[in-house]
Structure formats: structure tokens, C-alpha cells
Amino acid sequence: MSTATYTHSQADSLRHYIVDVSNAARAFAAALFAAQERQFIAQEVRVAPAVSERARAKGRRQLFSLAEHYESSAPSLCAELRSIAARD
């Protein structure tokens, strides 16, 4: 039976460990910034659809209808709904 000995220096092992950790941190930072960049690009491309005047008027009518429905039971809610509907 034979035995083999493995000798390595502690400084060499520590150097490799530090290099591996720094490479992993660099790769993580690159992936993080790449993901953030894609997110910002996606946000810039997305455009909110324009609300037509007809849809806006329909929403106001619904709010005024809700305000009339709750006028006797919750006057503060009624006032809040009317103030929201009156906003432009």
C-alpha cells in the first residue's frame, strides 16, 4: 500500500480563495446591473394608453352614482367621492 501526500501553501490557497470571491462578486454585480438596465429599458418603452374623454365622463358618472347611493349612510364617503369625481 502506498500513501500520497498533498502539500500546498496556505498563502496560495488564500490567494485563490480571494480571487474566486472577487470573481463571483464581479459576476454578481454585472448580472445585477444588467437586470436593472433591462428593467429601465422596459419601463421607458411602456406607454400608458390615453384615456378618452368618453371613458373619463363614464368614470365620473359612476363616482357620482356611488356618492348618491351612500349619501344617507356615509356622508363623509359621499363628499369624498364627489370631490374625487370633480377633480380633473
PDB file of N, CA and C in Angstrom:
ATOM      1  N   MET A   1       0.837  -1.159   0.000  1.00  0.00           N
ATOM      2  CA  MET A   1       0.000   0.000   0.000  1.00  0.00           C
ATOM      3  C   MET A   1       0.888   1.229   0.000  1.00  0.00           C
ATOM      4  N   SER A   2       0.471   2.211  -0.763  1.00  0.00           N
ATOM      5  CA  SER A   2       1.266   3.433  -0.835  1.00  0.00           C
ATOM      6  C   SER A   2       0.443   4.611  -0.347  1.00  0.00           C
ATOM      7  N   THR A   3       1.107   5.598   0.112  1.00  0.00           N
ATOM      8  CA  THR A   3       0.438   6.813   0.576  1.00  0.00           C
ATOM      9  C   THR A   3       0.973   7.990  -0.219  1.00  0.00           C
ATOM     10  N   ALA A   4       0.091   8.928  -0.467  1.00  0.00           N
ATOM     11  CA  ALA A   4       0.491  10.146  -1.172  1.00  0.00           C
ATOM     12  C   ALA A   4       0.272  11.323  -0.246  1.00  0.00           C
ATOM     13  N   THR A   5       1.129  12.247  -0.314  1.00  0.00           N
ATOM     14  CA  THR A   5       0.971  13.444   0.500  1.00  0.00           C
ATOM     15  C   THR A   5       0.684  14.625  -0.414  1.00  0.00           C
ATOM     16  N   TYR A   6      -0.204  15.443   0.042  1.00  0.00           N
ATOM     17  CA  TYR A   6      -0.583  16.636  -0.715  1.00  0.00           C
ATOM     18  C   TYR A   6      -0.150  17.839   0.094  1.00  0.00           C
ATOM     19  N   THR A   7       0.745  18.595  -0.454  1.00  0.00           N
ATOM     20  CA  THR A   7       1.222  19.773   0.249  1.00  0.00           C
ATOM     21  C   THR A   7       0.856  21.010  -0.548  1.00  0.00           C
ATOM     22  N   HIS A   8       0.336  21.957   0.110  1.00  0.00           N
ATOM     23  CA  HIS A   8       0.028  23.246  -0.514  1.00  0.00           C
ATOM     24  C   HIS A   8       0.232  24.331   0.536  1.00  0.00           C
ATOM     25  N   SER A   9       0.558  25.481   0.030  1.00  0.00           N
ATOM     26  CA  SER A   9       0.830  26.564   0.963  1.00  0.00           C
ATOM     27  C   SER A   9      -0.469  27.291   1.310  1.00  0.00           C
ATOM     28  N   GLN A  10      -0.546  27.771   2.516  1.00  0.00           N
ATOM     29  CA  GLN A  10      -1.733  28.482   2.977  1.00  0.00           C
ATOM     30  C   GLN A  10      -1.915  29.787   2.210  1.00  0.00           C
ATOM     31  N   ALA A  11      -0.832  30.468   1.892  1.00  0.00           N
ATOM     32  CA  ALA A  11      -0.914  31.738   1.176  1.00  0.00           C
ATOM     33  C   ALA A  11      -1.477  31.526  -0.223  1.00  0.00           C
ATOM     34  N   ASP A  12      -1.078  30.450  -0.891  1.00  0.00           N
ATOM     35  CA  ASP A  12      -1.575  30.162  -2.235  1.00  0.00           C
ATOM     36  C   ASP A  12      -3.070  29.857  -2.192  1.00  0.00           C
ATOM     37  N   SER A  13      -3.499  29.103  -1.190  1.00  0.00           N
ATOM     38  CA  SER A  13      -4.900  28.762  -1.041  1.00  0.00           C
ATOM     39  C   SER A  13      -5.729  30.013  -0.758  1.00  0.00           C
ATOM     40  N   LEU A  14      -5.247  30.864   0.091  1.00  0.00           N
ATOM     41  CA  LEU A  14      -5.951  32.101   0.412  1.00  0.00           C
ATOM     42  C   LEU A  14      -6.033  33.013  -0.811  1.00  0.00           C
ATOM     43  N   ARG A  15      -4.975  33.062  -1.586  1.00  0.00           N
ATOM     44  CA  ARG A  15      -4.966  33.877  -2.806  1.00  0.00           C
ATOM     45  C   ARG A  15      -6.033  33.387  -3.787  1.00  0.00           C
ATOM     46  N   HIS A  16      -6.121  32.074  -3.967  1.00  0.00           N
ATOM     47  CA  HIS A  16      -7.140  31.526  -4.870  1.00  0.00           C
ATOM     48  C   HIS A  16      -8.549  31.794  -4.338  1.00  0.00           C
ATOM     49  N   TYR A  17      -8.691  31.692  -3.035  1.00  0.00           N
ATOM     50  CA  TYR A  17      -9.993  31.960  -2.435  1.00  0.00           C
ATOM     51  C   TYR A  17     -10.414  33.405  -2.668  1.00  0.00           C
ATOM     52  N   ILE A  18      -9.514  34.332  -2.467  1.00  0.00           N
ATOM     53  CA  ILE A  18      -9.820  35.752  -2.663  1.00  0.00           C
ATOM     54  C   ILE A  18     -10.131  36.031  -4.128  1.00  0.00           C
ATOM     55  N   VAL A  19      -9.389  35.417  -5.030  1.00  0.00           N
ATOM     56  CA  VAL A  19      -9.655  35.594  -6.460  1.00  0.00           C
ATOM     57  C   VAL A  19     -11.028  35.044  -6.816  1.00  0.00           C
ATOM     58  N   ASP A  20     -11.381  33.891  -6.288  1.00  0.00           N
ATOM     59  CA  ASP A  20     -12.689  33.302  -6.569  1.00  0.00           C
ATOM     60  C   ASP A  20     -13.828  34.167  -6.018  1.00  0.00           C
ATOM     61  N   VAL A  21     -13.651  34.670  -4.818  1.00  0.00           N
ATOM     62  CA  VAL A  21     -14.686  35.522  -4.215  1.00  0.00           C
ATOM     63  C   VAL A  21     -14.840  36.819  -5.012  1.00  0.00           C
ATOM     64  N   SER A  22     -13.729  37.414  -5.422  1.00  0.00           N
ATOM     65  CA  SER A  22     -13.832  38.662  -6.190  1.00  0.00           C
ATOM     66  C   SER A  22     -14.442  38.409  -7.567  1.00  0.00           C
ATOM     67  N   ASN A  23     -14.131  37.282  -8.195  1.00  0.00           N
ATOM     68  CA  ASN A  23     -14.755  36.949  -9.482  1.00  0.00           C
ATOM     69  C   ASN A  23     -16.252  36.727  -9.319  1.00  0.00           C
ATOM     70  N   ALA A  24     -16.647  36.062  -8.251  1.00  0.00           N
ATOM     71  CA  ALA A  24     -18.069  35.838  -8.004  1.00  0.00           C
ATOM     72  C   ALA A  24     -18.788  37.157  -7.738  1.00  0.00           C
ATOM     73  N   ALA A  25     -18.171  38.045  -6.969  1.00  0.00           N
ATOM     74  CA  ALA A  25     -18.787  39.348  -6.689  1.00  0.00           C
ATOM     75  C   ALA A  25     -18.898  40.173  -7.958  1.00  0.00           C
ATOM     76  N   ARG A  26     -17.877  40.137  -8.789  1.00  0.00           N
ATOM     77  CA  ARG A  26     -17.908  40.881 -10.051  1.00  0.00           C
ATOM     78  C   ARG A  26     -19.006  40.339 -10.970  1.00  0.00           C
ATOM     79  N   ALA A  27     -19.140  39.008 -11.054  1.00  0.00           N
ATOM     80  CA  ALA A  27     -20.179  38.407 -11.889  1.00  0.00           C
ATOM     81  C   ALA A  27     -21.569  38.742 -11.355  1.00  0.00           C
ATOM     82  N   PHE A  28     -21.714  38.731 -10.018  1.00  0.00           N
ATOM     83  CA  PHE A  28     -22.998  39.081  -9.433  1.00  0.00           C
ATOM     84  C   PHE A  28     -23.366  40.534  -9.723  1.00  0.00           C
ATOM     85  N   ALA A  29     -22.404  41.433  -9.577  1.00  0.00           N
ATOM     86  CA  ALA A  29     -22.666  42.850  -9.853  1.00  0.00           C
ATOM     87  C   ALA A  29     -23.010  43.063 -11.322  1.00  0.00           C
ATOM     88  N   ALA A  30     -22.326  42.379 -12.214  1.00  0.00           N
ATOM     89  CA  ALA A  30     -22.617  42.521 -13.640  1.00  0.00           C
ATOM     90  C   ALA A  30     -24.021  42.022 -13.955  1.00  0.00           C
ATOM     91  N   ALA A  31     -24.414  40.899 -13.360  1.00  0.00           N
ATOM     92  CA  ALA A  31     -25.761  40.373 -13.583  1.00  0.00           C
ATOM     93  C   ALA A  31     -26.816  41.298 -12.999  1.00  0.00           C
ATOM     94  N   LEU A  32     -26.536  41.864 -11.830  1.00  0.00           N
ATOM     95  CA  LEU A  32     -27.483  42.767 -11.193  1.00  0.00           C
ATOM     96  C   LEU A  32     -27.682  44.021 -12.024  1.00  0.00           C
ATOM     97  N   PHE A  33     -26.597  44.620 -12.491  1.00  0.00           N
ATOM     98  CA  PHE A  33     -26.719  45.828 -13.297  1.00  0.00           C
ATOM     99  C   PHE A  33     -27.346  45.541 -14.653  1.00  0.00           C
ATOM    100  N   ALA A  34     -27.092  44.379 -15.218  1.00  0.00           N
ATOM    101  CA  ALA A  34     -27.715  44.017 -16.485  1.00  0.00           C
ATOM    102  C   ALA A  34     -29.217  43.867 -16.306  1.00  0.00           C
ATOM    103  N   ALA A  35     -29.638  43.268 -15.199  1.00  0.00           N
ATOM    104  CA  ALA A  35     -31.072  43.117 -14.923  1.00  0.00           C
ATOM    105  C   ALA A  35     -31.710  44.482 -14.697  1.00  0.00           C
ATOM    106  N   GLN A  36     -31.048  45.364 -13.968  1.00  0.00           N
ATOM    107  CA  GLN A  36     -31.588  46.697 -13.726  1.00  0.00           C
ATOM    108  C   GLN A  36     -31.701  47.473 -15.027  1.00  0.00           C
ATOM    109  N   GLU A  37     -30.710  47.337 -15.890  1.00  0.00           N
ATOM    110  CA  GLU A  37     -30.739  48.051 -17.164  1.00  0.00           C
ATOM    111  C   GLU A  37     -31.907  47.584 -18.018  1.00  0.00           C
ATOM    112  N   ARG A  38     -32.152  46.275 -18.049  1.00  0.00           N
ATOM    113  CA  ARG A  38     -33.290  45.763 -18.821  1.00  0.00           C
ATOM    114  C   ARG A  38     -34.590  46.265 -18.243  1.00  0.00           C
ATOM    115  N   GLN A  39     -34.672  46.371 -16.916  1.00  0.00           N
ATOM    116  CA  GLN A  39     -35.893  46.847 -16.285  1.00  0.00           C
ATOM    117  C   GLN A  39     -36.152  48.299 -16.662  1.00  0.00           C
ATOM    118  N   PHE A  40     -35.116  49.141 -16.651  1.00  0.00           N
ATOM    119  CA  PHE A  40     -35.295  50.539 -17.013  1.00  0.00           C
ATOM    120  C   PHE A  40     -35.683  50.680 -18.476  1.00  0.00           C
ATOM    121  N   ILE A  41     -35.116  49.879 -19.329  1.00  0.00           N
ATOM    122  CA  ILE A  41     -35.470  49.933 -20.750  1.00  0.00           C
ATOM    123  C   ILE A  41     -36.925  49.548 -20.932  1.00  0.00           C
ATOM    124  N   ALA A  42     -37.368  48.514 -20.213  1.00  0.00           N
ATOM    125  CA  ALA A  42     -38.762  48.085 -20.331  1.00  0.00           C
ATOM    126  C   ALA A  42     -39.706  49.173 -19.829  1.00  0.00           C
ATOM    127  N   GLN A  43     -39.313  49.889 -18.809  1.00  0.00           N
ATOM    128  CA  GLN A  43     -40.167  50.946 -18.290  1.00  0.00           C
ATOM    129  C   GLN A  43     -40.235  52.118 -19.257  1.00  0.00           C
ATOM    130  N   GLU A  44     -39.157  52.409 -19.956  1.00  0.00           N
ATOM    131  CA  GLU A  44     -39.177  53.523 -20.888  1.00  0.00           C
ATOM    132  C   GLU A  44     -40.029  53.225 -22.106  1.00  0.00           C
ATOM    133  N   VAL A  45     -40.052  51.969 -22.546  1.00  0.00           N
ATOM    134  CA  VAL A  45     -40.795  51.606 -23.743  1.00  0.00           C
ATOM    135  C   VAL A  45     -42.290  51.588 -23.481  1.00  0.00           C
ATOM    136  N   ARG A  46     -42.663  51.192 -22.269  1.00  0.00           N
ATOM    137  CA  ARG A  46     -44.080  51.082 -21.947  1.00  0.00           C
ATOM    138  C   ARG A  46     -44.731  52.467 -21.945  1.00  0.00           C
ATOM    139  N   VAL A  47     -45.801  52.626 -22.692  1.00  0.00           N
ATOM    140  CA  VAL A  47     -46.502  53.901 -22.775  1.00  0.00           C
ATOM    141  C   VAL A  47     -47.923  53.690 -22.258  1.00  0.00           C
ATOM    142  N   ALA A  48     -48.348  54.554 -21.385  1.00  0.00           N
ATOM    143  CA  ALA A  48     -49.699  54.449 -20.838  1.00  0.00           C
ATOM    144  C   ALA A  48     -50.711  54.828 -21.921  1.00  0.00           C
ATOM    145  N   PRO A  49     -51.766  54.047 -22.045  1.00  0.00           N
ATOM    146  CA  PRO A  49     -52.775  54.375 -23.048  1.00  0.00           C
ATOM    147  C   PRO A  49     -53.508  55.667 -22.674  1.00  0.00           C
ATOM    148  N   ALA A  50     -53.825  56.438 -23.663  1.00  0.00           N
ATOM    149  CA  ALA A  50     -54.528  57.697 -23.429  1.00  0.00           C
ATOM    150  C   ALA A  50     -55.987  57.402 -23.072  1.00  0.00           C
ATOM    151  N   VAL A  51     -56.473  58.107 -22.058  1.00  0.00           N
ATOM    152  CA  VAL A  51     -57.851  57.923 -21.628  1.00  0.00           C
ATOM    153  C   VAL A  51     -58.724  58.865 -22.438  1.00  0.00           C
ATOM    154  N   SER A  52     -59.733  58.297 -23.058  1.00  0.00           N
ATOM    155  CA  SER A  52     -60.617  59.134 -23.863  1.00  0.00           C
ATOM    156  C   SER A  52     -61.535  59.951 -22.958  1.00  0.00           C
ATOM    157  N   GLU A  53     -62.073  61.010 -23.515  1.00  0.00           N
ATOM    158  CA  GLU A  53     -62.977  61.875 -22.747  1.00  0.00           C
ATOM    159  C   GLU A  53     -64.260  61.131 -22.393  1.00  0.00           C
ATOM    160  N   ARG A  54     -64.685  60.241 -23.261  1.00  0.00           N
ATOM    161  CA  ARG A  54     -65.893  59.449 -23.004  1.00  0.00           C
ATOM    162  C   ARG A  54     -65.688  58.533 -21.798  1.00  0.00           C
ATOM    163  N   ALA A  55     -64.524  57.875 -21.723  1.00  0.00           N
ATOM    164  CA  ALA A  55     -64.237  56.993 -20.590  1.00  0.00           C
ATOM    165  C   ALA A  55     -64.111  57.790 -19.293  1.00  0.00           C
ATOM    166  N   ARG A  56     -63.522  58.961 -19.376  1.00  0.00           N
ATOM    167  CA  ARG A  56     -63.395  59.816 -18.196  1.00  0.00           C
ATOM    168  C   ARG A  56     -64.774  60.253 -17.687  1.00  0.00           C
ATOM    169  N   ALA A  57     -65.662  60.615 -18.598  1.00  0.00           N
ATOM    170  CA  ALA A  57     -67.014  61.027 -18.209  1.00  0.00           C
ATOM    171  C   ALA A  57     -67.780  59.854 -17.601  1.00  0.00           C
ATOM    172  N   LYS A  58     -67.581  58.661 -18.158  1.00  0.00           N
ATOM    173  CA  LYS A  58     -68.257  57.480 -17.614  1.00  0.00           C
ATOM    174  C   LYS A  58     -67.800  57.216 -16.185  1.00  0.00           C
ATOM    175  N   GLY A  59     -66.501  57.344 -15.929  1.00  0.00           N
ATOM    176  CA  GLY A  59     -65.991  57.155 -14.574  1.00  0.00           C
ATOM    177  C   GLY A  59     -66.542  58.179 -13.602  1.00  0.00           C
ATOM    178  N   ARG A  60     -66.660  59.421 -14.064  1.00  0.00           N
ATOM    179  CA  ARG A  60     -67.233  60.465 -13.198  1.00  0.00           C
ATOM    180  C   ARG A  60     -68.689  60.173 -12.874  1.00  0.00           C
ATOM    181  N   ARG A  61     -69.438  59.726 -13.874  1.00  0.00           N
ATOM    182  CA  ARG A  61     -70.846  59.381 -13.625  1.00  0.00           C
ATOM    183  C   ARG A  61     -70.963  58.247 -12.611  1.00  0.00           C
ATOM    184  N   GLN A  62     -70.078  57.257 -12.705  1.00  0.00           N
ATOM    185  CA  GLN A  62     -70.105  56.150 -11.754  1.00  0.00           C
ATOM    186  C   GLN A  62     -69.789  56.637 -10.338  1.00  0.00           C
ATOM    187  N   LEU A  63     -68.828  57.546 -10.212  1.00  0.00           N
ATOM    188  CA  LEU A  63     -68.499  58.074  -8.888  1.00  0.00           C
ATOM    189  C   LEU A  63     -69.648  58.881  -8.303  1.00  0.00           C
ATOM    190  N   PHE A  64     -70.290  59.696  -9.129  1.00  0.00           N
ATOM    191  CA  PHE A  64     -71.442  60.467  -8.638  1.00  0.00           C
ATOM    192  C   PHE A  64     -72.588  59.533  -8.256  1.00  0.00           C
ATOM    193  N   SER A  65     -72.767  58.440  -9.008  1.00  0.00           N
ATOM    194  CA  SER A  65     -73.812  57.470  -8.679  1.00  0.00           C
ATOM    195  C   SER A  65     -73.530  56.794  -7.340  1.00  0.00           C
ATOM    196  N   LEU A  66     -72.286  56.427  -7.114  1.00  0.00           N
ATOM    197  CA  LEU A  66     -71.916  55.846  -5.818  1.00  0.00           C
ATOM    198  C   LEU A  66     -72.119  56.852  -4.690  1.00  0.00           C
ATOM    199  N   ALA A  67     -71.806  58.105  -4.945  1.00  0.00           N
ATOM    200  CA  ALA A  67     -71.984  59.142  -3.922  1.00  0.00           C
ATOM    201  C   ALA A  67     -73.458  59.273  -3.555  1.00  0.00           C
ATOM    202  N   GLU A  68     -74.340  59.240  -4.529  1.00  0.00           N
ATOM    203  CA  GLU A  68     -75.777  59.331  -4.240  1.00  0.00           C
ATOM    204  C   GLU A  68     -76.256  58.105  -3.466  1.00  0.00           C
ATOM    205  N   HIS A  69     -75.696  56.942  -3.782  1.00  0.00           N
ATOM    206  CA  HIS A  69     -76.104  55.705  -3.115  1.00  0.00           C
ATOM    207  C   HIS A  69     -75.744  55.732  -1.628  1.00  0.00           C
ATOM    208  N   TYR A  70     -74.581  56.269  -1.293  1.00  0.00           N
ATOM    209  CA  TYR A  70     -74.115  56.278   0.096  1.00  0.00           C
ATOM    210  C   TYR A  70     -74.387  57.595   0.820  1.00  0.00           C
ATOM    211  N   GLU A  71     -75.177  58.475   0.248  1.00  0.00           N
ATOM    212  CA  GLU A  71     -75.395  59.792   0.849  1.00  0.00           C
ATOM    213  C   GLU A  71     -76.050  59.705   2.224  1.00  0.00           C
ATOM    214  N   SER A  72     -77.023  58.827   2.391  1.00  0.00           N
ATOM    215  CA  SER A  72     -77.721  58.754   3.690  1.00  0.00           C
ATOM    216  C   SER A  72     -76.932  57.973   4.731  1.00  0.00           C
ATOM    217  N   SER A  73     -76.157  56.981   4.328  1.00  0.00           N
ATOM    218  CA  SER A  73     -75.470  56.147   5.314  1.00  0.00           C
ATOM    219  C   SER A  73     -74.061  56.632   5.653  1.00  0.00           C
ATOM    220  N   ALA A  74     -73.370  57.220   4.686  1.00  0.00           N
ATOM    221  CA  ALA A  74     -71.995  57.667   4.940  1.00  0.00           C
ATOM    222  C   ALA A  74     -71.760  59.008   4.250  1.00  0.00           C
ATOM    223  N   PRO A  75     -72.130  60.111   4.912  1.00  0.00           N
ATOM    224  CA  PRO A  75     -71.991  61.414   4.268  1.00  0.00           C
ATOM    225  C   PRO A  75     -70.539  61.808   3.974  1.00  0.00           C
ATOM    226  N   SER A  76     -69.601  61.392   4.811  1.00  0.00           N
ATOM    227  CA  SER A  76     -68.203  61.747   4.540  1.00  0.00           C
ATOM    228  C   SER A  76     -67.675  60.998   3.317  1.00  0.00           C
ATOM    229  N   LEU A  77     -68.103  59.743   3.156  1.00  0.00           N
ATOM    230  CA  LEU A  77     -67.730  58.988   1.953  1.00  0.00           C
ATOM    231  C   LEU A  77     -68.345  59.626   0.718  1.00  0.00           C
ATOM    232  N   CYS A  78     -69.568  60.074   0.850  1.00  0.00           N
ATOM    233  CA  CYS A  78     -70.250  60.747  -0.258  1.00  0.00           C
ATOM    234  C   CYS A  78     -69.488  62.006  -0.666  1.00  0.00           C
ATOM    235  N   ALA A  79     -69.083  62.794   0.290  1.00  0.00           N
ATOM    236  CA  ALA A  79     -68.340  64.015  -0.004  1.00  0.00           C
ATOM    237  C   ALA A  79     -66.997  63.696  -0.651  1.00  0.00           C
ATOM    238  N   GLU A  80     -66.337  62.651  -0.168  1.00  0.00           N
ATOM    239  CA  GLU A  80     -65.037  62.270  -0.745  1.00  0.00           C
ATOM    240  C   GLU A  80     -65.207  61.791  -2.184  1.00  0.00           C
ATOM    241  N   LEU A  81     -66.226  60.992  -2.437  1.00  0.00           N
ATOM    242  CA  LEU A  81     -66.458  60.509  -3.808  1.00  0.00           C
ATOM    243  C   LEU A  81     -66.757  61.680  -4.756  1.00  0.00           C
ATOM    244  N   ARG A  82     -67.525  62.636  -4.291  1.00  0.00           N
ATOM    245  CA  ARG A  82     -67.831  63.797  -5.137  1.00  0.00           C
ATOM    246  C   ARG A  82     -66.598  64.655  -5.388  1.00  0.00           C
ATOM    247  N   SER A  83     -65.724  64.768  -4.395  1.00  0.00           N
ATOM    248  CA  SER A  83     -64.511  65.566  -4.605  1.00  0.00           C
ATOM    249  C   SER A  83     -63.560  64.850  -5.573  1.00  0.00           C
ATOM    250  N   ILE A  84     -63.510  63.528  -5.493  1.00  0.00           N
ATOM    251  CA  ILE A  84     -62.678  62.773  -6.451  1.00  0.00           C
ATOM    252  C   ILE A  84     -63.230  62.910  -7.870  1.00  0.00           C
ATOM    253  N   ALA A  85     -64.564  62.838  -7.997  1.00  0.00           N
ATOM    254  CA  ALA A  85     -65.177  62.958  -9.316  1.00  0.00           C
ATOM    255  C   ALA A  85     -65.007  64.340  -9.905  1.00  0.00           C
ATOM    256  N   ALA A  86     -64.920  65.362  -9.056  1.00  0.00           N
ATOM    257  CA  ALA A  86     -64.805  66.738  -9.552  1.00  0.00           C
ATOM    258  C   ALA A  86     -63.393  67.080  -9.997  1.00  0.00           C
ATOM    259  N   ARG A  87     -62.421  66.277  -9.573  1.00  0.00           N
ATOM    260  CA  ARG A  87     -61.029  66.550  -9.995  1.00  0.00           C
ATOM    261  C   ARG A  87     -60.880  66.384 -11.501  1.00  0.00           C
ATOM    262  N   ASP A  88     -59.954  67.103 -12.038  1.00  0.00           N
ATOM    263  CA  ASP A  88     -59.706  66.991 -13.478  1.00  0.00           C
ATOM    264  C   ASP A  88     -58.541  66.108 -13.765  1.00  0.00           C
TER     265      ASP A  88
END
